[in-house]
Each structure stands twice: as C-alpha cells, then as structure tokens.
Amino acid sequence: MTQIQIGIEGEDAPTVAAALLEIPGISGTYEVSTQKEGTLAAIATIVGIVGGAVALAEQIRKWHQEWHQSHLYRY
C-alpha cells in the first residue's frame, strides 16, 4: 500500500491535519511537532484511499478551497 505524506505548517496545523483526514475515502494519521522558529507543523500520512488517486486529488482540492474560504477572515 502506498503512503502519501503531506506537510502542513502554521498555528492551525493540527486542526487542518485532522480535518484533512476526515475527508470521506481517506484514512491515516498525523503527528505534530514544533519547528525551530516555534511554528507548529503537522505531517499527515494518508494510508488508505477509496476511489482512486484522481478522485482523492479532487476531494482534497475541494476541501482546501472550502477550508480556505471558511477561515479567510480569521487572519
């Protein structure tokens, strides 16, 4: 089984990683660490994909757009 790792940096990295893994058809885990500059980072490892890579890529793209729009005015 192929694993895909995605790095996420920033204050909301753990929240974003958890939300990413809630996308239907994806299963995996994430780890959180603090980088040298004190910035949080999360590495999400996707280990299960249902529906193929193209369908997954489209789901992640849609999720990213929705996440960005819903959090746009928080910063």
Protein backbone atom coordinates (compact mmCIF):
# COMPACT_ATOMS: atom_id res chain seq x y z
CA MET A 1 0.00 0.00 0.00
CA THR A 2 1.30 3.42 -0.96
CA GLN A 3 1.55 6.10 1.69
CA ILE A 4 1.26 9.79 0.94
CA GLN A 5 2.70 12.34 3.35
CA ILE A 6 1.51 15.93 3.44
CA GLY A 7 3.27 18.61 5.46
CA ILE A 8 1.18 21.39 6.99
CA GLU A 9 2.72 24.37 8.79
CA GLY A 10 1.19 27.08 10.90
CA GLU A 11 -0.73 27.75 14.06
CA ASP A 12 -3.71 25.66 12.88
CA ALA A 13 -1.63 22.75 11.54
CA PRO A 14 -3.09 20.11 13.91
CA THR A 15 -6.67 21.21 13.21
CA VAL A 16 -6.09 21.26 9.46
CA ALA A 17 -4.44 17.82 9.50
CA ALA A 18 -7.34 16.35 11.47
CA ALA A 19 -9.86 17.90 9.08
CA LEU A 20 -7.94 16.58 6.07
CA LEU A 21 -8.15 13.05 7.41
CA GLU A 22 -11.93 13.40 7.85
CA ILE A 23 -12.45 13.59 4.08
CA PRO A 24 -14.56 10.59 3.04
CA GLY A 25 -12.39 7.92 1.43
CA ILE A 26 -9.18 8.86 3.27
CA SER A 27 -7.69 7.16 6.27
CA GLY A 28 -4.43 7.86 8.02
CA THR A 29 -2.72 9.54 10.93
CA TYR A 30 -0.85 12.75 11.71
CA GLU A 31 1.93 13.85 14.02
CA VAL A 32 2.51 17.35 15.36
CA SER A 33 5.89 18.90 16.07
CA THR A 34 7.25 22.36 16.84
CA GLN A 35 9.80 23.71 14.40
CA LYS A 36 12.86 25.78 15.28
CA GLU A 37 11.01 29.07 14.89
CA GLY A 38 8.25 27.91 17.25
CA THR A 39 5.82 27.26 14.40
CA LEU A 40 3.63 24.19 14.65
CA ALA A 41 3.90 21.63 11.88
CA ALA A 42 1.87 18.51 11.21
CA ILE A 43 2.74 15.63 8.95
CA ALA A 44 -0.36 13.76 7.78
CA THR A 45 0.24 10.25 6.46
CA ILE A 46 -2.55 9.00 4.24
CA VAL A 47 -2.56 5.22 4.14
CA GLY A 48 -5.99 4.41 2.78
CA ILE A 49 -7.61 5.78 -0.36
CA VAL A 50 -11.01 4.74 -1.64
CA GLY A 51 -11.92 5.68 -5.21
CA GLY A 52 -8.51 6.24 -6.80
CA ALA A 53 -5.90 8.97 -6.84
CA VAL A 54 -7.72 11.31 -9.22
CA ALA A 55 -10.88 11.25 -7.11
CA LEU A 56 -8.78 11.81 -3.98
CA ALA A 57 -6.97 14.77 -5.53
CA GLU A 58 -10.30 16.36 -6.45
CA GLN A 59 -11.65 15.83 -2.91
CA ILE A 60 -8.54 17.40 -1.38
CA ARG A 61 -8.74 20.35 -3.78
CA LYS A 62 -12.40 20.97 -2.90
CA TRP A 63 -11.69 20.57 0.80
CA HIS A 64 -8.79 23.04 0.61
CA GLN A 65 -10.96 25.64 -1.13
CA GLU A 66 -13.76 25.24 1.41
CA TRP A 67 -11.34 25.37 4.35
CA HIS A 68 -9.65 28.47 2.99
CA GLN A 69 -12.96 30.24 2.39
CA SER A 70 -14.35 29.40 5.81
CA HIS A 71 -11.18 30.59 7.59
CA LEU A 72 -10.29 33.50 5.32
CA TYR A 73 -11.47 36.25 7.67
CA ARG A 74 -9.91 34.82 10.82
CA TYR A 75 -6.44 36.18 9.98
